Amino acid sequence: MAASLPRLSVVLIFVFLAVHISASRGDHDLLPTTYDSSMCPGSSMCGNVSIRYPFYLSTTTRYIADHNYNSWYSCGYTDLMISCQYERPNETPVIFLGSGKYTVLNISYDTNTILLADSDVFFGGSCPVVHHDLSFDNLWLRNTSSNDNLTFYFGCYSSGGPVEVPLDLGKYRIDCNLKGPNGDNGASFVFTPDDHGKAQEHELNQDGRCRDVVSVPVRSEVLMGLMASNESMLWSGGYAEVLRYGFELEWYPTPTATDQCHLCEQSKGKCAYSQNQKREFLGCLCSNSKVGHPDCRSSKSSRTDHSI
């Protein structure tokens, strides 16, 4: 028994060292010392929209294959991935937020704003249906003061046979050839923020009164312009044009103050983020194809130089 102790001690030492090395590994060890610079182009075009950092195309992500870590990573903020899709007759940039697919109408890098429209409205004819609210978690994106909301109530007063719509709701009823998200033929309504009190007065949001309630952002100036010129147009299909003009979101110059992305950007680098749910800052992608951590003033010389 005594003779086996030295061998056991050696094994324990190796186990201790392996655990210690694994525990001491930081995010900066996950990326190699160089990277494929084609994943960080100065600019890419999709349709007539210029895609630049911190946005990135879905085709430019790369994979980290490591025995302790496996993930795709991006040259840009995790949630700002844009897919360039062929939608006849042109290429169309789209971004996914929550369960929704949105067409990118414009990106202003001077004002840090992106103009989006629900993709459903471009293929819904003159009387499109919106199927979902806007959903995002405010990590990189936030609403702007340039937006108002339209609130839709679909399939109302339809359960148990025909039910007469109250007279004072008639003004707000959509009178074009619209069917709700579930294909129902009940009455459907749309309310501006100023008129929404009427919907609450009739408790349209109560269970069973209407089948679906969807609230979507729209540009205030477009909505107000329509209401000023001919407000009755809103309910005869004019809401479709308001939806197609989209809404505006703002992105943060840096994702958070706690990670080290701001140091990377201050050194003229671009932040690499994991594509998993943790959205980890992995390193700084520099113009010379080198990877720094946390910024381009530092480099990782401790690892073998290779690219992925």
Protein backbone atom coordinates (compact mmCIF):
# COMPACT_ATOMS: atom_id res chain seq x y z
CA MET A 1 0.00 0.00 0.00
CA ALA A 2 2.82 2.38 0.91
CA ALA A 3 4.54 1.72 -2.40
CA SER A 4 1.49 3.01 -4.33
CA LEU A 5 1.38 6.39 -2.59
CA PRO A 6 3.96 8.14 -4.80
CA ARG A 7 2.06 7.11 -7.93
CA LEU A 8 -1.22 8.35 -6.42
CA SER A 9 0.44 11.64 -5.49
CA VAL A 10 1.62 12.15 -9.05
CA VAL A 11 -1.87 11.51 -10.37
CA LEU A 12 -3.35 13.98 -7.89
CA ILE A 13 -0.82 16.62 -8.87
CA PHE A 14 -1.77 16.28 -12.55
CA VAL A 15 -5.48 16.44 -11.71
CA PHE A 16 -4.87 19.57 -9.62
CA LEU A 17 -2.92 21.23 -12.39
CA ALA A 18 -5.57 20.40 -15.00
CA VAL A 19 -8.35 21.83 -12.85
CA HIS A 20 -6.28 24.91 -12.01
CA ILE A 21 -5.42 25.60 -15.64
CA SER A 22 -9.01 25.09 -16.73
CA ALA A 23 -10.33 27.38 -14.00
CA SER A 24 -7.78 30.07 -14.77
CA ARG A 25 -8.65 30.19 -18.46
CA GLY A 26 -10.37 33.42 -19.32
CA ASP A 27 -12.41 34.43 -22.36
CA HIS A 28 -9.20 35.77 -23.90
CA ASP A 29 -7.93 32.20 -24.36
CA LEU A 30 -10.89 31.19 -26.48
CA LEU A 31 -9.83 32.97 -29.66
CA PRO A 32 -6.58 32.33 -31.55
CA THR A 33 -3.95 35.01 -31.95
CA THR A 34 -5.10 35.83 -35.51
CA TYR A 35 -8.42 35.72 -37.32
CA ASP A 36 -9.77 35.65 -40.84
CA SER A 37 -10.11 39.35 -41.68
CA SER A 38 -12.86 38.61 -44.25
CA MET A 39 -15.29 38.26 -41.35
CA CYS A 40 -14.81 41.98 -40.57
CA PRO A 41 -15.27 43.76 -43.92
CA GLY A 42 -15.36 47.54 -43.90
CA SER A 43 -18.79 47.42 -45.51
CA SER A 44 -21.05 44.93 -47.30
CA MET A 45 -24.10 45.69 -49.42
CA CYS A 46 -27.39 43.81 -49.23
CA GLY A 47 -29.91 45.34 -51.56
CA ASN A 48 -29.38 49.07 -51.12
CA VAL A 49 -28.42 48.88 -47.44
CA SER A 50 -24.81 49.13 -46.27
CA ILE A 51 -23.97 46.58 -43.54
CA ARG A 52 -21.12 47.65 -41.24
CA TYR A 53 -19.96 47.00 -37.70
CA PRO A 54 -21.54 46.55 -35.16
CA PHE A 55 -23.96 44.83 -37.57
CA TYR A 56 -22.69 41.84 -39.50
CA LEU A 57 -23.95 39.38 -42.10
CA SER A 58 -24.91 35.88 -41.02
CA THR A 59 -22.40 34.47 -43.54
CA THR A 60 -19.41 36.05 -41.76
CA THR A 61 -19.58 34.23 -38.40
CA ARG A 62 -16.86 31.73 -37.50
CA TYR A 63 -16.74 28.64 -35.29
CA ILE A 64 -14.57 28.02 -32.23
CA ALA A 65 -13.87 24.32 -31.74
CA ASP A 66 -12.25 23.81 -28.37
CA HIS A 67 -12.42 20.91 -25.90
CA ASN A 68 -13.84 23.28 -23.27
CA TYR A 69 -15.75 25.70 -25.50
CA ASN A 70 -17.76 25.37 -28.71
CA SER A 71 -19.54 28.35 -30.20
CA TRP A 72 -19.95 30.54 -33.23
CA TYR A 73 -18.66 34.06 -32.84
CA SER A 74 -19.19 37.32 -34.68
CA CYS A 75 -17.41 40.54 -35.56
CA GLY A 76 -20.18 42.63 -34.05
CA TYR A 77 -22.85 42.60 -31.36
CA THR A 78 -24.58 39.25 -31.02
CA ASP A 79 -28.17 40.38 -31.66
CA LEU A 80 -27.31 42.58 -34.65
CA MET A 81 -26.91 39.77 -37.18
CA ILE A 82 -28.45 40.51 -40.58
CA SER A 83 -29.42 37.85 -43.11
CA CYS A 84 -29.28 38.82 -46.76
CA GLN A 85 -32.21 36.98 -48.34
CA TYR A 86 -33.32 36.83 -51.94
CA GLU A 87 -36.89 38.05 -52.04
CA ARG A 88 -37.95 38.72 -55.60
CA PRO A 89 -36.82 40.74 -57.34
CA ASN A 90 -33.99 41.87 -55.05
CA GLU A 91 -31.74 40.89 -52.20
CA THR A 92 -33.32 42.01 -48.93
CA PRO A 93 -31.61 42.49 -45.55
CA VAL A 94 -33.63 41.09 -42.64
CA ILE A 95 -33.08 40.91 -38.91
CA PHE A 96 -34.82 38.62 -36.40
CA LEU A 97 -36.04 40.11 -33.12
CA GLY A 98 -37.79 37.70 -30.79
CA SER A 99 -40.19 35.70 -32.96
CA GLY A 100 -40.44 38.42 -35.59
CA LYS A 101 -38.74 38.88 -38.95
CA TYR A 102 -38.10 42.50 -39.93
CA THR A 103 -36.94 44.03 -43.19
CA VAL A 104 -34.07 46.52 -42.79
CA LEU A 105 -35.03 49.70 -44.64
CA ASN A 106 -32.02 51.78 -43.65
CA ILE A 107 -29.13 51.97 -41.18
CA SER A 108 -27.77 55.36 -40.13
CA TYR A 109 -24.30 55.00 -38.67
CA ASP A 110 -24.19 58.73 -37.91
CA THR A 111 -27.19 58.61 -35.57
CA ASN A 112 -26.87 54.93 -34.45
CA THR A 113 -30.38 54.15 -35.69
CA ILE A 114 -31.87 51.37 -37.77
CA LEU A 115 -35.17 51.62 -39.65
CA LEU A 116 -37.20 48.39 -39.71
CA ALA A 117 -40.56 47.18 -41.00
CA ASP A 118 -42.38 43.96 -40.19
CA SER A 119 -41.66 41.70 -43.16
CA ASP A 120 -45.24 40.36 -43.10
CA VAL A 121 -46.64 43.69 -44.29
CA PHE A 122 -44.72 43.56 -47.58
CA PHE A 123 -46.43 40.31 -48.61
CA GLY A 124 -49.88 40.88 -47.13
CA GLY A 125 -51.40 42.82 -50.02
CA SER A 126 -53.31 46.05 -49.45
CA CYS A 127 -54.76 44.84 -46.15
CA PRO A 128 -51.90 43.05 -44.32
CA VAL A 129 -52.14 41.35 -40.94
CA VAL A 130 -49.51 41.79 -38.24
CA HIS A 131 -48.93 38.60 -36.26
CA HIS A 132 -46.74 39.62 -33.33
CA ASP A 133 -45.66 42.44 -31.07
CA LEU A 134 -42.10 43.77 -31.25
CA SER A 135 -39.91 41.84 -28.81
CA PHE A 136 -36.28 42.47 -27.88
CA ASP A 137 -34.41 42.55 -24.58
CA ASN A 138 -32.78 46.02 -24.70
CA LEU A 139 -29.24 44.64 -24.41
CA TRP A 140 -28.12 46.31 -27.63
CA LEU A 141 -31.29 47.91 -28.99
CA ARG A 142 -33.85 50.34 -27.60
CA ASN A 143 -36.92 52.20 -28.78
CA THR A 144 -36.71 55.85 -29.79
CA SER A 145 -38.96 58.85 -29.23
CA SER A 146 -39.70 58.97 -32.98
CA ASN A 147 -42.14 56.05 -32.66
CA ASP A 148 -45.83 55.79 -31.85
CA ASN A 149 -47.92 52.62 -31.66
CA LEU A 150 -50.82 51.15 -33.58
CA THR A 151 -52.83 48.55 -31.68
CA PHE A 152 -54.80 45.95 -33.63
CA TYR A 153 -57.70 43.89 -32.32
CA PHE A 154 -58.55 40.91 -34.53
CA GLY A 155 -61.55 38.57 -34.54
CA CYS A 156 -63.75 40.55 -32.18
CA TYR A 157 -67.44 39.90 -31.45
CA SER A 158 -67.32 36.66 -33.42
CA SER A 159 -67.70 33.90 -30.81
CA GLY A 160 -71.10 32.19 -30.58
CA GLY A 161 -72.45 33.66 -33.80
CA PRO A 162 -72.83 37.19 -35.20
CA VAL A 163 -72.71 39.91 -32.58
CA GLU A 164 -73.41 43.50 -33.48
CA VAL A 165 -70.44 45.86 -33.12
CA PRO A 166 -71.18 48.85 -30.84
CA LEU A 167 -71.91 51.96 -32.87
CA ASP A 168 -69.17 54.04 -31.28
CA LEU A 169 -66.58 51.44 -32.34
CA GLY A 170 -67.60 51.60 -35.99
CA LYS A 171 -65.14 54.40 -36.73
CA TYR A 172 -62.19 52.21 -35.72
CA ARG A 173 -63.21 49.09 -37.60
CA ILE A 174 -60.90 48.01 -40.42
CA ASP A 175 -63.13 47.94 -43.48
CA CYS A 176 -60.79 46.51 -46.10
CA ASN A 177 -60.62 42.79 -46.97
CA LEU A 178 -58.75 41.66 -43.86
CA LYS A 179 -58.77 38.34 -42.07
CA GLY A 180 -57.17 37.99 -38.65
CA PRO A 181 -54.06 35.89 -37.91
CA ASN A 182 -56.26 32.81 -37.34
CA GLY A 183 -58.32 33.31 -40.50
CA ASP A 184 -61.38 34.42 -38.54
CA ASN A 185 -63.99 36.74 -40.00
CA GLY A 186 -64.88 38.70 -36.90
CA ALA A 187 -64.60 42.46 -36.72
CA SER A 188 -61.06 43.88 -36.59
CA PHE A 189 -60.04 47.29 -35.29
CA VAL A 190 -56.97 49.50 -35.22
CA PHE A 191 -56.40 52.27 -32.70
CA THR A 192 -53.90 55.10 -32.51
CA PRO A 193 -52.51 56.07 -29.07
CA ASP A 194 -55.01 58.95 -28.89
CA ASP A 195 -57.96 56.64 -29.58
CA HIS A 196 -56.94 53.64 -27.53
CA GLY A 197 -59.15 54.70 -24.62
CA LYS A 198 -62.16 53.64 -26.68
CA ALA A 199 -60.81 50.08 -26.90
CA GLN A 200 -60.28 50.01 -23.15
CA GLU A 201 -63.78 51.39 -22.58
CA HIS A 202 -65.22 48.39 -24.41
CA GLU A 203 -62.72 45.99 -22.76
CA LEU A 204 -61.59 44.62 -26.10
CA ASN A 205 -58.48 43.22 -24.44
CA GLN A 206 -60.51 40.96 -22.15
CA ASP A 207 -60.29 37.22 -22.76
CA GLY A 208 -62.80 36.06 -25.34
CA ARG A 209 -63.80 39.50 -26.62
CA CYS A 210 -61.17 39.49 -29.39
CA ARG A 211 -59.00 36.60 -30.53
CA ASP A 212 -55.75 38.52 -30.98
CA VAL A 213 -54.36 41.83 -29.78
CA VAL A 214 -51.13 43.08 -31.39
CA SER A 215 -49.38 46.39 -30.73
CA VAL A 216 -46.68 47.52 -33.13
CA PRO A 217 -44.42 50.59 -33.38
CA VAL A 218 -44.73 53.01 -36.30
CA ARG A 219 -43.07 56.31 -37.13
CA SER A 220 -44.92 59.18 -35.46
CA GLU A 221 -44.43 61.59 -38.37
CA VAL A 222 -45.89 59.14 -40.88
CA LEU A 223 -48.91 58.34 -38.71
CA MET A 224 -49.57 62.01 -37.92
CA GLY A 225 -49.21 62.92 -41.60
CA LEU A 226 -51.88 60.42 -42.61
CA MET A 227 -54.23 61.46 -39.80
CA ALA A 228 -53.84 65.13 -40.72
CA SER A 229 -54.52 64.63 -44.44
CA ASN A 230 -57.35 62.06 -44.29
CA GLU A 231 -57.69 60.12 -41.06
CA SER A 232 -60.47 57.88 -42.40
CA MET A 233 -57.86 56.34 -44.72
CA LEU A 234 -56.25 54.62 -41.74
CA TRP A 235 -59.16 52.18 -41.37
CA SER A 236 -59.67 51.55 -45.10
CA GLY A 237 -56.18 50.17 -45.57
CA GLY A 238 -54.04 53.26 -45.04
CA TYR A 239 -52.55 51.62 -41.96
CA ALA A 240 -50.64 49.34 -44.37
CA GLU A 241 -48.68 52.28 -45.76
CA VAL A 242 -47.89 53.48 -42.24
CA LEU A 243 -46.56 50.01 -41.36
CA ARG A 244 -44.44 49.88 -44.52
CA TYR A 245 -42.65 53.09 -43.56
CA GLY A 246 -41.38 51.16 -40.56
CA PHE A 247 -40.15 52.23 -37.15
CA GLU A 248 -36.84 53.27 -35.67
CA LEU A 249 -34.61 51.59 -33.11
CA GLU A 250 -31.35 52.86 -31.64
CA TRP A 251 -28.34 50.72 -30.83
CA TYR A 252 -25.93 51.38 -28.01
CA PRO A 253 -22.42 52.47 -29.01
CA THR A 254 -21.10 49.75 -26.67
CA PRO A 255 -23.17 46.83 -25.35
CA THR A 256 -22.48 47.24 -21.64
CA ALA A 257 -20.15 49.09 -19.34
CA THR A 258 -19.12 45.90 -17.54
CA ASP A 259 -17.56 43.95 -20.40
CA GLN A 260 -14.42 45.14 -22.16
CA CYS A 261 -15.86 45.93 -25.56
CA HIS A 262 -15.60 49.68 -24.96
CA LEU A 263 -11.83 49.32 -24.47
CA CYS A 264 -11.61 47.42 -27.75
CA GLU A 265 -13.59 50.05 -29.65
CA GLN A 266 -11.56 52.89 -28.13
CA SER A 267 -8.45 51.23 -29.62
CA LYS A 268 -10.14 51.11 -33.08
CA GLY A 269 -10.84 47.37 -32.82
CA LYS A 270 -14.08 45.48 -33.35
CA CYS A 271 -15.60 43.36 -30.61
CA ALA A 272 -15.94 39.61 -31.05
CA TYR A 273 -18.98 38.15 -29.29
CA SER A 274 -20.15 34.57 -28.85
CA GLN A 275 -23.37 33.59 -30.58
CA ASN A 276 -24.66 31.59 -27.64
CA GLN A 277 -27.14 32.81 -25.03
CA LYS A 278 -24.36 34.18 -22.82
CA ARG A 279 -23.29 36.67 -25.53
CA GLU A 280 -19.78 36.78 -24.12
CA PHE A 281 -17.15 39.30 -25.18
CA LEU A 282 -14.36 37.06 -26.50
CA GLY A 283 -11.71 39.44 -27.76
CA CYS A 284 -10.80 42.42 -29.90
CA LEU A 285 -10.45 41.96 -33.66
CA CYS A 286 -7.81 44.40 -34.90
CA SER A 287 -7.08 45.77 -38.36
CA ASN A 288 -3.86 43.76 -38.73
CA SER A 289 -5.76 40.44 -38.42
CA LYS A 290 -4.47 40.10 -34.86
CA VAL A 291 -6.62 39.40 -31.83
CA GLY A 292 -6.11 41.47 -28.70
CA HIS A 293 -7.58 41.23 -25.23
CA PRO A 294 -9.10 43.47 -24.16
CA ASP A 295 -7.98 45.86 -26.90
CA CYS A 296 -5.66 46.28 -29.88
CA ARG A 297 -2.85 47.57 -27.65
CA SER A 298 -2.45 44.06 -26.30
CA SER A 299 -1.88 40.74 -28.03
CA LYS A 300 -1.97 37.10 -27.12
CA SER A 301 1.57 35.96 -27.63
CA SER A 302 1.28 33.06 -25.21
CA ARG A 303 -0.56 30.83 -27.67
CA THR A 304 0.52 29.32 -30.95
CA ASP A 305 -0.26 31.70 -33.80
CA HIS A 306 -3.02 30.34 -36.05
CA SER A 307 -6.13 31.53 -37.81
CA ILE A 308 -9.69 30.31 -37.92
